[in-house]
Amino acid sequence: MRVSVVVTVYKMKNWQELTKRNIESILIQSFRDFEIVVSDDSDDNEIREWLNQYGDKIKYYKNPGEKGMPNNTNHGMDMAKGELTKILYQDDYFYDERSLWDIVRHFTAWTQWMITPCVHTENGIDFFNEHRPYYSESENTLGSPSLLTLRSEIKERFDPRFSWVLDLDFYKRLFRKYGKPKYLDKVNVVMGFHQGQMTYLLSDERKQEEFNLMKNRIRSRRKYD
């Protein structure tokens, strides 16, 4: 198996519509050597039953650990069997039918992790705010984990203490161990923009707490380098 596409799900607002858009963007990919790994963070079986419409095209797993996006993503990554792990959050989706092929053909033997450009949408029709990623030590200029593909042999995982800066913390650790990512040169993912995003759900106080925690971790690490 070449690629595991890890989709993390829970019962967010409009989850049926968003999950359908996500899954079907994977199923139409021209590159076919992939598996879809769904990790479900919900408390009941409603999503599992809804996914039955896709039959054996999906490998479904219930997150057995603590709830939350970091743990749910980590569980999906742990279940991946492919050489490469591509994260694609529930409210995001592939830009076109060649998106997976573009990742695979540019992922060389020397590539450890890759970040791809994206656009944003509110309605799934109109696109705005094209994002071209680059690496920064001080802020998340790479973007959401939905833009990330990495070798499955990499065992770094998202820190469950973070929700707001979980991607920035994770990217810093990847950079520290593997250097800068490879950048794809074309838009590859569409990011769903809606009121259920973490941007709207977390308080400013919680966001600041996470930034402070991450800064303290960096200071401690540098002290012993």
N, C-alpha and C. Protein backbone atom coordinates (compact mmCIF):
# COMPACT_ATOMS: atom_id res chain seq x y z
N MET A 1 0.84 -1.20 0.00
CA MET A 1 0.00 0.00 0.00
C MET A 1 0.88 1.26 0.00
N ARG A 2 0.63 2.14 -0.96
CA ARG A 2 1.48 3.32 -1.09
C ARG A 2 1.06 4.45 -0.13
N VAL A 3 -0.25 4.75 -0.05
CA VAL A 3 -0.69 5.90 0.74
C VAL A 3 -1.87 5.52 1.64
N SER A 4 -1.81 5.96 2.88
CA SER A 4 -2.96 5.92 3.78
C SER A 4 -3.49 7.34 3.93
N VAL A 5 -4.72 7.57 3.52
CA VAL A 5 -5.36 8.87 3.71
C VAL A 5 -6.12 8.81 5.02
N VAL A 6 -5.65 9.53 6.02
CA VAL A 6 -6.23 9.49 7.36
C VAL A 6 -7.25 10.61 7.51
N VAL A 7 -8.50 10.24 7.73
CA VAL A 7 -9.60 11.18 7.90
C VAL A 7 -10.09 11.10 9.34
N THR A 8 -9.96 12.17 10.08
CA THR A 8 -10.44 12.20 11.46
C THR A 8 -11.83 12.82 11.50
N VAL A 9 -12.77 12.15 12.17
CA VAL A 9 -14.15 12.60 12.15
C VAL A 9 -14.73 12.71 13.56
N TYR A 10 -15.72 13.56 13.69
CA TYR A 10 -16.55 13.64 14.88
C TYR A 10 -17.83 14.36 14.46
N LYS A 11 -18.78 14.50 15.35
CA LYS A 11 -20.09 15.02 14.97
C LYS A 11 -20.12 16.55 15.07
N MET A 12 -19.33 17.17 14.20
CA MET A 12 -19.35 18.62 14.08
C MET A 12 -20.63 19.03 13.34
N LYS A 13 -20.91 20.31 13.32
CA LYS A 13 -22.08 20.81 12.60
C LYS A 13 -21.96 20.45 11.12
N ASN A 14 -23.07 19.95 10.54
CA ASN A 14 -23.10 19.56 9.12
C ASN A 14 -22.11 18.44 8.81
N TRP A 15 -21.90 17.54 9.76
CA TRP A 15 -20.86 16.53 9.56
C TRP A 15 -21.15 15.61 8.38
N GLN A 16 -22.43 15.31 8.11
CA GLN A 16 -22.73 14.42 6.99
C GLN A 16 -22.27 15.05 5.67
N GLU A 17 -22.63 16.29 5.46
CA GLU A 17 -22.28 16.98 4.22
C GLU A 17 -20.77 17.11 4.07
N LEU A 18 -20.09 17.49 5.15
CA LEU A 18 -18.64 17.70 5.09
C LEU A 18 -17.89 16.39 4.91
N THR A 19 -18.34 15.33 5.60
CA THR A 19 -17.68 14.04 5.48
C THR A 19 -17.89 13.45 4.09
N LYS A 20 -19.06 13.58 3.55
CA LYS A 20 -19.35 13.10 2.19
C LYS A 20 -18.44 13.79 1.18
N ARG A 21 -18.31 15.10 1.30
CA ARG A 21 -17.45 15.86 0.39
C ARG A 21 -16.00 15.39 0.48
N ASN A 22 -15.54 15.14 1.70
CA ASN A 22 -14.18 14.67 1.94
C ASN A 22 -13.96 13.28 1.32
N ILE A 23 -14.79 12.32 1.70
CA ILE A 23 -14.60 10.93 1.26
C ILE A 23 -14.70 10.82 -0.26
N GLU A 24 -15.66 11.51 -0.85
CA GLU A 24 -15.84 11.38 -2.29
C GLU A 24 -14.72 12.05 -3.07
N SER A 25 -14.07 13.05 -2.47
CA SER A 25 -12.90 13.64 -3.13
C SER A 25 -11.73 12.66 -3.15
N ILE A 26 -11.71 11.73 -2.21
CA ILE A 26 -10.66 10.70 -2.18
C ILE A 26 -10.99 9.58 -3.18
N LEU A 27 -12.24 9.19 -3.21
CA LEU A 27 -12.63 8.06 -4.06
C LEU A 27 -12.46 8.35 -5.54
N ILE A 28 -12.46 9.61 -5.96
CA ILE A 28 -12.31 9.92 -7.39
C ILE A 28 -10.86 10.10 -7.81
N GLN A 29 -9.91 9.86 -6.91
CA GLN A 29 -8.51 10.09 -7.25
C GLN A 29 -8.05 9.15 -8.36
N SER A 30 -7.26 9.72 -9.28
CA SER A 30 -6.73 8.92 -10.39
C SER A 30 -5.67 7.94 -9.91
N PHE A 31 -4.94 8.30 -8.86
CA PHE A 31 -3.99 7.38 -8.25
C PHE A 31 -4.77 6.45 -7.31
N ARG A 32 -4.64 5.14 -7.50
CA ARG A 32 -5.54 4.20 -6.84
C ARG A 32 -4.92 3.38 -5.72
N ASP A 33 -3.60 3.47 -5.53
CA ASP A 33 -2.95 2.63 -4.51
C ASP A 33 -3.01 3.31 -3.15
N PHE A 34 -4.22 3.35 -2.58
CA PHE A 34 -4.42 4.02 -1.31
C PHE A 34 -5.47 3.29 -0.48
N GLU A 35 -5.47 3.59 0.81
CA GLU A 35 -6.52 3.17 1.71
C GLU A 35 -7.07 4.41 2.41
N ILE A 36 -8.34 4.37 2.77
CA ILE A 36 -8.95 5.46 3.54
C ILE A 36 -9.11 4.96 4.97
N VAL A 37 -8.42 5.61 5.89
CA VAL A 37 -8.47 5.26 7.32
C VAL A 37 -9.28 6.33 8.04
N VAL A 38 -10.42 5.96 8.57
CA VAL A 38 -11.27 6.90 9.31
C VAL A 38 -11.15 6.61 10.80
N SER A 39 -10.77 7.63 11.57
CA SER A 39 -10.74 7.53 13.02
C SER A 39 -11.85 8.41 13.59
N ASP A 40 -12.75 7.80 14.34
CA ASP A 40 -13.97 8.46 14.79
C ASP A 40 -13.88 8.81 16.28
N ASP A 41 -14.07 10.08 16.58
CA ASP A 41 -13.97 10.57 17.95
C ASP A 41 -15.33 10.78 18.61
N SER A 42 -16.40 10.34 17.96
CA SER A 42 -17.74 10.56 18.51
C SER A 42 -18.07 9.52 19.57
N ASP A 43 -19.13 9.79 20.33
CA ASP A 43 -19.49 8.93 21.46
C ASP A 43 -20.47 7.82 21.10
N ASP A 44 -21.03 7.86 19.90
CA ASP A 44 -22.01 6.84 19.51
C ASP A 44 -21.61 6.24 18.16
N ASN A 45 -22.49 5.45 17.58
CA ASN A 45 -22.20 4.75 16.32
C ASN A 45 -22.84 5.40 15.10
N GLU A 46 -23.33 6.63 15.24
CA GLU A 46 -24.05 7.25 14.12
C GLU A 46 -23.15 7.44 12.90
N ILE A 47 -21.93 7.93 13.12
CA ILE A 47 -21.02 8.12 11.98
C ILE A 47 -20.66 6.77 11.36
N ARG A 48 -20.40 5.79 12.20
CA ARG A 48 -20.05 4.46 11.69
C ARG A 48 -21.16 3.91 10.81
N GLU A 49 -22.39 4.02 11.26
CA GLU A 49 -23.52 3.51 10.49
C GLU A 49 -23.69 4.29 9.20
N TRP A 50 -23.47 5.59 9.26
CA TRP A 50 -23.59 6.43 8.05
C TRP A 50 -22.52 6.04 7.02
N LEU A 51 -21.34 5.69 7.48
CA LEU A 51 -20.24 5.33 6.58
C LEU A 51 -20.44 3.97 5.92
N ASN A 52 -21.41 3.19 6.38
CA ASN A 52 -21.67 1.88 5.79
C ASN A 52 -22.01 1.97 4.30
N GLN A 53 -22.46 3.14 3.86
CA GLN A 53 -22.80 3.32 2.44
C GLN A 53 -21.59 3.15 1.54
N TYR A 54 -20.39 3.28 2.10
CA TYR A 54 -19.17 3.15 1.31
C TYR A 54 -18.57 1.75 1.38
N GLY A 55 -19.21 0.87 2.10
CA GLY A 55 -18.79 -0.52 2.16
C GLY A 55 -17.34 -0.68 2.60
N ASP A 56 -16.62 -1.55 1.88
CA ASP A 56 -15.24 -1.86 2.28
C ASP A 56 -14.22 -0.87 1.72
N LYS A 57 -14.70 0.24 1.18
CA LYS A 57 -13.79 1.26 0.67
C LYS A 57 -13.13 2.06 1.80
N ILE A 58 -13.68 1.89 3.00
CA ILE A 58 -13.19 2.63 4.16
C ILE A 58 -12.79 1.65 5.27
N LYS A 59 -11.66 1.92 5.90
CA LYS A 59 -11.26 1.18 7.09
C LYS A 59 -11.59 2.06 8.29
N TYR A 60 -12.60 1.66 9.03
CA TYR A 60 -13.14 2.48 10.12
C TYR A 60 -12.58 2.03 11.46
N TYR A 61 -12.20 3.00 12.30
CA TYR A 61 -11.73 2.72 13.66
C TYR A 61 -12.34 3.74 14.61
N LYS A 62 -12.75 3.26 15.76
CA LYS A 62 -13.20 4.16 16.83
C LYS A 62 -12.00 4.53 17.69
N ASN A 63 -11.83 5.81 17.95
CA ASN A 63 -10.74 6.25 18.81
C ASN A 63 -10.94 5.68 20.22
N PRO A 64 -10.03 4.82 20.70
CA PRO A 64 -10.24 4.17 21.99
C PRO A 64 -9.72 4.98 23.18
N GLY A 65 -8.99 6.05 22.89
CA GLY A 65 -8.35 6.81 23.96
C GLY A 65 -9.12 8.07 24.34
N GLU A 66 -8.40 9.01 24.92
CA GLU A 66 -9.01 10.28 25.31
C GLU A 66 -9.48 11.04 24.08
N LYS A 67 -10.59 11.76 24.24
CA LYS A 67 -11.17 12.50 23.13
C LYS A 67 -10.32 13.72 22.80
N GLY A 68 -10.56 14.26 21.60
CA GLY A 68 -9.86 15.46 21.17
C GLY A 68 -9.13 15.23 19.85
N MET A 69 -8.98 16.30 19.08
CA MET A 69 -8.38 16.20 17.76
C MET A 69 -6.98 15.61 17.76
N PRO A 70 -6.09 15.99 18.68
CA PRO A 70 -4.74 15.40 18.65
C PRO A 70 -4.76 13.89 18.81
N ASN A 71 -5.48 13.39 19.82
CA ASN A 71 -5.52 11.94 20.06
C ASN A 71 -6.21 11.20 18.92
N ASN A 72 -7.26 11.79 18.38
CA ASN A 72 -7.96 11.15 17.27
C ASN A 72 -7.08 11.07 16.03
N THR A 73 -6.33 12.14 15.76
CA THR A 73 -5.40 12.13 14.62
C THR A 73 -4.29 11.12 14.84
N ASN A 74 -3.75 11.09 16.05
CA ASN A 74 -2.69 10.12 16.36
C ASN A 74 -3.17 8.68 16.16
N HIS A 75 -4.41 8.43 16.58
CA HIS A 75 -4.95 7.07 16.43
C HIS A 75 -5.06 6.70 14.96
N GLY A 76 -5.54 7.62 14.14
CA GLY A 76 -5.63 7.36 12.71
C GLY A 76 -4.26 7.09 12.11
N MET A 77 -3.27 7.86 12.52
CA MET A 77 -1.90 7.65 12.02
C MET A 77 -1.37 6.29 12.45
N ASP A 78 -1.69 5.89 13.66
CA ASP A 78 -1.24 4.58 14.15
C ASP A 78 -1.86 3.43 13.37
N MET A 79 -3.06 3.62 12.84
CA MET A 79 -3.75 2.58 12.10
C MET A 79 -3.34 2.52 10.63
N ALA A 80 -2.61 3.52 10.15
CA ALA A 80 -2.23 3.59 8.74
C ALA A 80 -1.26 2.47 8.38
N LYS A 81 -1.48 1.84 7.23
CA LYS A 81 -0.64 0.74 6.76
C LYS A 81 0.19 1.12 5.53
N GLY A 82 -0.03 2.27 4.96
CA GLY A 82 0.68 2.67 3.75
C GLY A 82 2.09 3.15 4.02
N GLU A 83 2.85 3.30 2.96
CA GLU A 83 4.20 3.84 3.07
C GLU A 83 4.17 5.31 3.46
N LEU A 84 3.16 6.02 2.96
CA LEU A 84 2.98 7.43 3.25
C LEU A 84 1.65 7.63 3.97
N THR A 85 1.63 8.59 4.89
CA THR A 85 0.40 8.97 5.58
C THR A 85 0.01 10.37 5.16
N LYS A 86 -1.17 10.51 4.58
CA LYS A 86 -1.72 11.79 4.18
C LYS A 86 -2.89 12.12 5.10
N ILE A 87 -2.79 13.22 5.85
CA ILE A 87 -3.88 13.64 6.73
C ILE A 87 -4.84 14.52 5.94
N LEU A 88 -6.14 14.28 6.11
CA LEU A 88 -7.15 15.10 5.45
C LEU A 88 -8.34 15.23 6.39
N TYR A 89 -8.37 16.31 7.13
CA TYR A 89 -9.42 16.49 8.13
C TYR A 89 -10.81 16.48 7.49
N GLN A 90 -11.78 16.13 8.29
CA GLN A 90 -13.16 15.90 7.89
C GLN A 90 -13.77 17.04 7.07
N ASP A 91 -13.46 18.28 7.43
CA ASP A 91 -14.07 19.42 6.75
C ASP A 91 -13.25 19.93 5.57
N ASP A 92 -12.16 19.23 5.23
CA ASP A 92 -11.32 19.59 4.09
C ASP A 92 -11.43 18.50 3.03
N TYR A 93 -10.90 18.76 1.84
CA TYR A 93 -11.00 17.76 0.77
C TYR A 93 -9.97 18.04 -0.32
N PHE A 94 -9.72 17.03 -1.17
CA PHE A 94 -8.76 17.17 -2.25
C PHE A 94 -9.28 18.15 -3.30
N TYR A 95 -8.35 18.90 -3.88
CA TYR A 95 -8.69 19.95 -4.85
C TYR A 95 -9.24 19.37 -6.15
N ASP A 96 -8.61 18.31 -6.66
CA ASP A 96 -9.10 17.68 -7.89
C ASP A 96 -8.69 16.21 -7.89
N GLU A 97 -9.01 15.51 -8.98
CA GLU A 97 -8.78 14.07 -9.03
C GLU A 97 -7.31 13.69 -9.16
N ARG A 98 -6.43 14.65 -9.41
CA ARG A 98 -4.99 14.37 -9.52
C ARG A 98 -4.22 14.73 -8.25
N SER A 99 -4.90 15.15 -7.23
CA SER A 99 -4.22 15.64 -6.03
C SER A 99 -3.32 14.60 -5.39
N LEU A 100 -3.81 13.38 -5.24
CA LEU A 100 -3.01 12.34 -4.61
C LEU A 100 -1.83 11.94 -5.50
N TRP A 101 -2.07 11.87 -6.80
CA TRP A 101 -0.99 11.55 -7.73
C TRP A 101 0.11 12.61 -7.68
N ASP A 102 -0.26 13.87 -7.57
CA ASP A 102 0.74 14.94 -7.50
C ASP A 102 1.61 14.81 -6.25
N ILE A 103 1.01 14.39 -5.15
CA ILE A 103 1.79 14.15 -3.93
C ILE A 103 2.76 13.00 -4.14
N VAL A 104 2.25 11.89 -4.63
CA VAL A 104 3.07 10.67 -4.75
C VAL A 104 4.23 10.87 -5.72
N ARG A 105 3.99 11.49 -6.85
CA ARG A 105 5.05 11.59 -7.85
C ARG A 105 6.13 12.59 -7.47
N HIS A 106 5.85 13.48 -6.53
CA HIS A 106 6.86 14.42 -6.06
C HIS A 106 7.50 14.00 -4.73
N PHE A 107 7.00 12.92 -4.16
CA PHE A 107 7.53 12.42 -2.89
C PHE A 107 8.69 11.47 -3.20
N THR A 108 9.89 12.01 -3.28
CA THR A 108 11.05 11.24 -3.70
C THR A 108 11.59 10.39 -2.55
N ALA A 109 12.61 9.61 -2.86
CA ALA A 109 13.23 8.74 -1.85
C ALA A 109 13.87 9.54 -0.73
N TRP A 110 14.15 10.82 -0.99
CA TRP A 110 14.81 11.66 0.00
C TRP A 110 13.82 12.55 0.78
N THR A 111 12.56 12.49 0.40
CA THR A 111 11.55 13.32 1.07
C THR A 111 11.05 12.61 2.32
N GLN A 112 11.04 13.35 3.43
CA GLN A 112 10.51 12.81 4.69
C GLN A 112 9.11 13.34 4.98
N TRP A 113 8.88 14.62 4.67
CA TRP A 113 7.55 15.18 4.85
C TRP A 113 7.31 16.26 3.82
N MET A 114 6.05 16.45 3.49
CA MET A 114 5.66 17.37 2.43
C MET A 114 4.49 18.22 2.89
N ILE A 115 4.50 19.48 2.48
CA ILE A 115 3.39 20.41 2.72
C ILE A 115 2.91 20.94 1.38
N THR A 116 1.60 21.00 1.19
CA THR A 116 1.05 21.40 -0.10
C THR A 116 0.25 22.70 0.02
N PRO A 117 0.18 23.49 -1.05
CA PRO A 117 -0.66 24.70 -1.05
C PRO A 117 -2.15 24.35 -0.98
N CYS A 118 -2.94 25.35 -0.61
CA CYS A 118 -4.38 25.13 -0.51
C CYS A 118 -5.14 26.39 -0.87
N VAL A 119 -6.43 26.24 -1.04
CA VAL A 119 -7.36 27.35 -1.10
C VAL A 119 -8.44 27.10 -0.05
N HIS A 120 -9.26 28.10 0.20
CA HIS A 120 -10.32 27.99 1.21
C HIS A 120 -11.69 28.14 0.55
N THR A 121 -12.69 27.58 1.20
CA THR A 121 -14.05 27.71 0.70
C THR A 121 -15.03 27.75 1.87
N GLU A 122 -16.15 28.40 1.65
CA GLU A 122 -17.26 28.38 2.61
C GLU A 122 -18.41 27.53 2.09
N ASN A 123 -18.55 27.46 0.78
CA ASN A 123 -19.71 26.77 0.19
C ASN A 123 -19.34 25.59 -0.70
N GLY A 124 -18.05 25.29 -0.84
CA GLY A 124 -17.63 24.20 -1.69
C GLY A 124 -17.64 24.53 -3.17
N ILE A 125 -17.92 25.77 -3.51
CA ILE A 125 -17.98 26.21 -4.91
C ILE A 125 -16.98 27.33 -5.19
N ASP A 126 -17.03 28.34 -4.34
CA ASP A 126 -16.16 29.51 -4.52
C ASP A 126 -14.92 29.37 -3.65
N PHE A 127 -13.76 29.64 -4.23
CA PHE A 127 -12.49 29.53 -3.53
C PHE A 127 -11.88 30.90 -3.28
N PHE A 128 -11.16 31.02 -2.16
CA PHE A 128 -10.49 32.28 -1.83
C PHE A 128 -9.26 31.99 -0.99
N ASN A 129 -8.45 33.02 -0.79
CA ASN A 129 -7.29 32.96 0.11
C ASN A 129 -6.36 31.79 -0.20
N GLU A 130 -5.78 31.78 -1.41
CA GLU A 130 -4.79 30.75 -1.73
C GLU A 130 -3.59 30.88 -0.80
N HIS A 131 -3.17 29.76 -0.25
CA HIS A 131 -2.07 29.75 0.72
C HIS A 131 -0.87 29.01 0.15
N ARG A 132 0.28 29.69 0.09
CA ARG A 132 1.54 29.09 -0.34
C ARG A 132 2.43 28.95 0.90
N PRO A 133 2.64 27.75 1.38
CA PRO A 133 3.33 27.54 2.66
C PRO A 133 4.83 27.79 2.58
N TYR A 134 5.39 28.20 3.71
CA TYR A 134 6.83 28.27 3.90
C TYR A 134 7.08 28.09 5.39
N TYR A 135 8.30 27.69 5.75
CA TYR A 135 8.57 27.38 7.15
C TYR A 135 9.02 28.61 7.93
N SER A 136 8.49 28.77 9.14
CA SER A 136 8.88 29.84 10.05
C SER A 136 9.04 29.25 11.44
N GLU A 137 10.03 29.70 12.19
CA GLU A 137 10.25 29.24 13.55
C GLU A 137 9.24 29.82 14.53
N SER A 138 8.67 30.98 14.21
CA SER A 138 7.89 31.73 15.19
C SER A 138 6.38 31.62 15.01
N GLU A 139 5.91 31.21 13.82
CA GLU A 139 4.47 31.11 13.60
C GLU A 139 4.18 30.01 12.60
N ASN A 140 2.91 29.59 12.57
CA ASN A 140 2.54 28.52 11.66
C ASN A 140 2.25 29.08 10.28
N THR A 141 3.28 29.12 9.46
CA THR A 141 3.14 29.57 8.08
C THR A 141 2.98 28.39 7.13
N LEU A 142 2.99 27.17 7.67
CA LEU A 142 2.79 25.98 6.84
C LEU A 142 1.31 25.68 6.65
N GLY A 143 0.52 25.82 7.73
CA GLY A 143 -0.90 25.60 7.61
C GLY A 143 -1.38 24.37 8.35
N SER A 144 -2.62 23.99 8.09
CA SER A 144 -3.30 22.89 8.77
C SER A 144 -2.63 21.54 8.50
N PRO A 145 -2.78 20.58 9.41
CA PRO A 145 -2.32 19.21 9.14
C PRO A 145 -2.92 18.59 7.89
N SER A 146 -4.03 19.13 7.38
CA SER A 146 -4.59 18.62 6.13
C SER A 146 -3.67 18.86 4.94
N LEU A 147 -2.65 19.68 5.12
CA LEU A 147 -1.69 19.95 4.05
C LEU A 147 -0.46 19.06 4.17
N LEU A 148 -0.46 18.17 5.15
CA LEU A 148 0.72 17.38 5.48
C LEU A 148 0.64 15.95 4.92
N THR A 149 1.76 15.51 4.35
CA THR A 149 2.00 14.10 4.04
C THR A 149 3.37 13.74 4.60
N LEU A 150 3.48 12.60 5.25
CA LEU A 150 4.78 12.20 5.80
C LEU A 150 4.95 10.69 5.68
N ARG A 151 6.19 10.27 5.79
CA ARG A 151 6.46 8.84 5.76
C ARG A 151 5.84 8.19 7.00
N SER A 152 5.17 7.06 6.81
CA SER A 152 4.49 6.41 7.92
C SER A 152 5.45 5.86 8.96
N GLU A 153 6.70 5.67 8.58
CA GLU A 153 7.71 5.19 9.54
C GLU A 153 8.08 6.26 10.55
N ILE A 154 7.74 7.51 10.28
CA ILE A 154 7.98 8.59 11.25
C ILE A 154 7.02 8.41 12.42
N LYS A 155 7.52 8.37 13.62
CA LYS A 155 6.69 8.08 14.79
C LYS A 155 6.35 9.31 15.63
N GLU A 156 6.70 10.49 15.17
CA GLU A 156 6.26 11.71 15.85
C GLU A 156 4.74 11.76 15.85
N ARG A 157 4.16 12.25 16.95
CA ARG A 157 2.71 12.36 17.04
C ARG A 157 2.33 13.73 17.61
N PHE A 158 1.07 14.10 17.42
CA PHE A 158 0.58 15.38 17.92
C PHE A 158 0.46 15.34 19.44
N ASP A 159 0.85 16.44 20.07
CA ASP A 159 0.81 16.54 21.52
C ASP A 159 -0.63 16.81 21.97
N PRO A 160 -1.23 15.93 22.78
CA PRO A 160 -2.63 16.09 23.18
C PRO A 160 -2.90 17.29 24.09
N ARG A 161 -1.84 17.94 24.55
CA ARG A 161 -2.04 19.15 25.36
C ARG A 161 -2.40 20.36 24.51
N PHE A 162 -2.25 20.23 23.19
CA PHE A 162 -2.49 21.35 22.30
C PHE A 162 -3.72 21.13 21.44
N SER A 163 -4.45 22.19 21.19
CA SER A 163 -5.52 22.20 20.20
C SER A 163 -5.29 23.32 19.19
N TRP A 164 -4.90 24.48 19.69
CA TRP A 164 -4.72 25.66 18.86
C TRP A 164 -3.38 25.63 18.12
N VAL A 165 -2.30 25.23 18.80
CA VAL A 165 -0.97 25.23 18.17
C VAL A 165 -0.45 23.80 17.97
N LEU A 166 -1.34 22.83 17.90
CA LEU A 166 -0.88 21.45 17.76
C LEU A 166 -0.08 21.26 16.48
N ASP A 167 -0.47 21.95 15.38
CA ASP A 167 0.27 21.81 14.13
C ASP A 167 1.62 22.50 14.20
N LEU A 168 1.68 23.69 14.77
CA LEU A 168 2.96 24.40 14.88
C LEU A 168 3.95 23.63 15.74
N ASP A 169 3.48 23.09 16.87
CA ASP A 169 4.34 22.28 17.72
C ASP A 169 4.83 21.04 16.98
N PHE A 170 3.95 20.38 16.26
CA PHE A 170 4.31 19.17 15.52
C PHE A 170 5.33 19.47 14.41
N TYR A 171 5.10 20.56 13.68
CA TYR A 171 6.01 20.93 12.60
C TYR A 171 7.40 21.28 13.14
N LYS A 172 7.44 21.91 14.30
CA LYS A 172 8.73 22.25 14.89
C LYS A 172 9.54 20.98 15.20
N ARG A 173 8.84 19.97 15.69
CA ARG A 173 9.54 18.72 16.00
C ARG A 173 9.99 17.98 14.73
N LEU A 174 9.15 18.02 13.68
CA LEU A 174 9.56 17.43 12.41
C LEU A 174 10.76 18.17 11.83
N PHE A 175 10.72 19.50 11.90
CA PHE A 175 11.83 20.29 11.38
C PHE A 175 13.12 20.00 12.13
N ARG A 176 13.00 19.89 13.44
CA ARG A 176 14.17 19.63 14.27
C ARG A 176 14.83 18.31 13.90
N LYS A 177 14.04 17.31 13.53
CA LYS A 177 14.57 15.98 13.25
C LYS A 177 14.88 15.73 11.77
N TYR A 178 14.07 16.34 10.87
CA TYR A 178 14.19 16.00 9.46
C TYR A 178 14.47 17.20 8.55
N GLY A 179 14.56 18.39 9.12
CA GLY A 179 14.78 19.57 8.29
C GLY A 179 13.48 20.08 7.69
N LYS A 180 13.60 21.01 6.76
CA LYS A 180 12.42 21.62 6.14
C LYS A 180 11.66 20.61 5.29
N PRO A 181 10.34 20.81 5.15
CA PRO A 181 9.56 19.91 4.31
C PRO A 181 9.80 20.20 2.84
N LYS A 182 9.39 19.27 1.99
CA LYS A 182 9.30 19.54 0.57
C LYS A 182 7.98 20.24 0.31
N TYR A 183 7.99 21.22 -0.59
CA TYR A 183 6.78 21.96 -0.90
C TYR A 183 6.28 21.57 -2.29
N LEU A 184 5.02 21.22 -2.39
CA LEU A 184 4.40 21.01 -3.69
C LEU A 184 4.13 22.38 -4.30
N ASP A 185 4.16 22.48 -5.63
CA ASP A 185 4.05 23.79 -6.26
C ASP A 185 2.67 24.11 -6.80
N LYS A 186 1.66 23.27 -6.51
CA LYS A 186 0.31 23.56 -6.98
C LYS A 186 -0.71 23.30 -5.89
N VAL A 187 -1.82 23.99 -5.97
CA VAL A 187 -2.90 23.81 -4.98
C VAL A 187 -3.35 22.36 -4.98
N ASN A 188 -3.48 21.80 -3.77
CA ASN A 188 -3.72 20.37 -3.64
C ASN A 188 -4.92 20.05 -2.76
N VAL A 189 -5.24 20.95 -1.84
CA VAL A 189 -6.29 20.72 -0.85
C VAL A 189 -7.19 21.95 -0.76
N VAL A 190 -8.46 21.71 -0.51
CA VAL A 190 -9.42 22.79 -0.22
C VAL A 190 -9.77 22.73 1.26
N MET A 191 -9.59 23.85 1.94
CA MET A 191 -9.87 23.94 3.37
C MET A 191 -11.28 24.46 3.59
N GLY A 192 -12.09 23.69 4.32
CA GLY A 192 -13.45 24.14 4.62
C GLY A 192 -13.44 25.21 5.71
N PHE A 193 -14.07 26.32 5.44
CA PHE A 193 -14.10 27.46 6.36
C PHE A 193 -15.51 27.58 6.92
N HIS A 194 -15.67 27.41 8.25
CA HIS A 194 -17.00 27.41 8.85
C HIS A 194 -16.93 27.72 10.34
N GLN A 195 -18.07 27.95 10.94
CA GLN A 195 -18.15 28.38 12.33
C GLN A 195 -17.79 27.28 13.33
N GLY A 196 -17.72 26.04 12.89
CA GLY A 196 -17.38 24.96 13.80
C GLY A 196 -15.89 24.73 13.95
N GLN A 197 -15.07 25.55 13.29
CA GLN A 197 -13.63 25.38 13.37
C GLN A 197 -13.09 25.75 14.73
N MET A 198 -11.91 25.20 15.05
CA MET A 198 -11.27 25.48 16.33
C MET A 198 -11.00 26.97 16.52
N THR A 199 -10.81 27.69 15.42
CA THR A 199 -10.59 29.13 15.46
C THR A 199 -11.68 29.84 16.24
N TYR A 200 -12.92 29.35 16.09
CA TYR A 200 -14.06 29.99 16.73
C TYR A 200 -14.40 29.38 18.09
N LEU A 201 -13.98 28.14 18.32
CA LEU A 201 -14.40 27.43 19.52
C LEU A 201 -13.51 27.68 20.74
N LEU A 202 -12.23 27.97 20.51
CA LEU A 202 -11.30 28.17 21.62
C LEU A 202 -11.28 29.63 22.06
N SER A 203 -11.22 29.84 23.37
CA SER A 203 -11.15 31.20 23.90
C SER A 203 -9.76 31.78 23.69
N ASP A 204 -9.66 33.11 23.74
CA ASP A 204 -8.36 33.77 23.62
C ASP A 204 -7.44 33.36 24.76
N GLU A 205 -8.03 33.13 25.93
CA GLU A 205 -7.22 32.72 27.09
C GLU A 205 -6.60 31.34 26.85
N ARG A 206 -7.39 30.42 26.30
CA ARG A 206 -6.88 29.08 26.01
C ARG A 206 -5.78 29.13 24.96
N LYS A 207 -5.97 29.94 23.94
CA LYS A 207 -4.96 30.08 22.89
C LYS A 207 -3.64 30.59 23.48
N GLN A 208 -3.74 31.59 24.37
CA GLN A 208 -2.53 32.15 24.97
C GLN A 208 -1.84 31.13 25.87
N GLU A 209 -2.63 30.33 26.59
CA GLU A 209 -2.05 29.27 27.43
C GLU A 209 -1.22 28.30 26.59
N GLU A 210 -1.74 27.94 25.43
CA GLU A 210 -1.01 27.00 24.58
C GLU A 210 0.27 27.61 24.02
N PHE A 211 0.21 28.87 23.63
CA PHE A 211 1.42 29.54 23.15
C PHE A 211 2.48 29.57 24.24
N ASN A 212 2.06 29.87 25.46
CA ASN A 212 3.01 29.94 26.58
C ASN A 212 3.62 28.57 26.86
N LEU A 213 2.79 27.52 26.81
CA LEU A 213 3.28 26.17 27.05
C LEU A 213 4.31 25.77 26.00
N MET A 214 4.04 26.11 24.74
CA MET A 214 4.97 25.77 23.68
C MET A 214 6.27 26.55 23.82
N LYS A 215 6.19 27.82 24.17
CA LYS A 215 7.39 28.63 24.36
C LYS A 215 8.26 28.07 25.48
N ASN A 216 7.61 27.65 26.57
CA ASN A 216 8.37 27.07 27.69
C ASN A 216 9.06 25.78 27.28
N ARG A 217 8.39 24.98 26.45
CA ARG A 217 8.99 23.74 25.96
C ARG A 217 10.24 24.05 25.12
N ILE A 218 10.13 25.06 24.27
CA ILE A 218 11.27 25.43 23.41
C ILE A 218 12.44 25.92 24.25
N ARG A 219 12.15 26.74 25.27
CA ARG A 219 13.22 27.25 26.14
C ARG A 219 13.91 26.09 26.85
N SER A 220 13.12 25.13 27.36
CA SER A 220 13.70 23.99 28.06
C SER A 220 14.57 23.14 27.15
N ARG A 221 14.12 22.97 25.92
CA ARG A 221 14.87 22.17 24.96
C ARG A 221 16.20 22.85 24.64
N ARG A 222 16.18 24.14 24.43
CA ARG A 222 17.40 24.88 24.09
C ARG A 222 18.38 24.88 25.25
N LYS A 223 17.86 24.85 26.45
CA LYS A 223 18.72 24.87 27.64
C LYS A 223 19.63 23.65 27.68
N TYR A 224 19.10 22.51 27.17
CA TYR A 224 19.86 21.27 27.25
C TYR A 224 20.52 20.88 25.94
N ASP A 225 20.37 21.71 24.90
CA ASP A 225 21.04 21.43 23.63
C ASP A 225 22.53 21.67 23.73
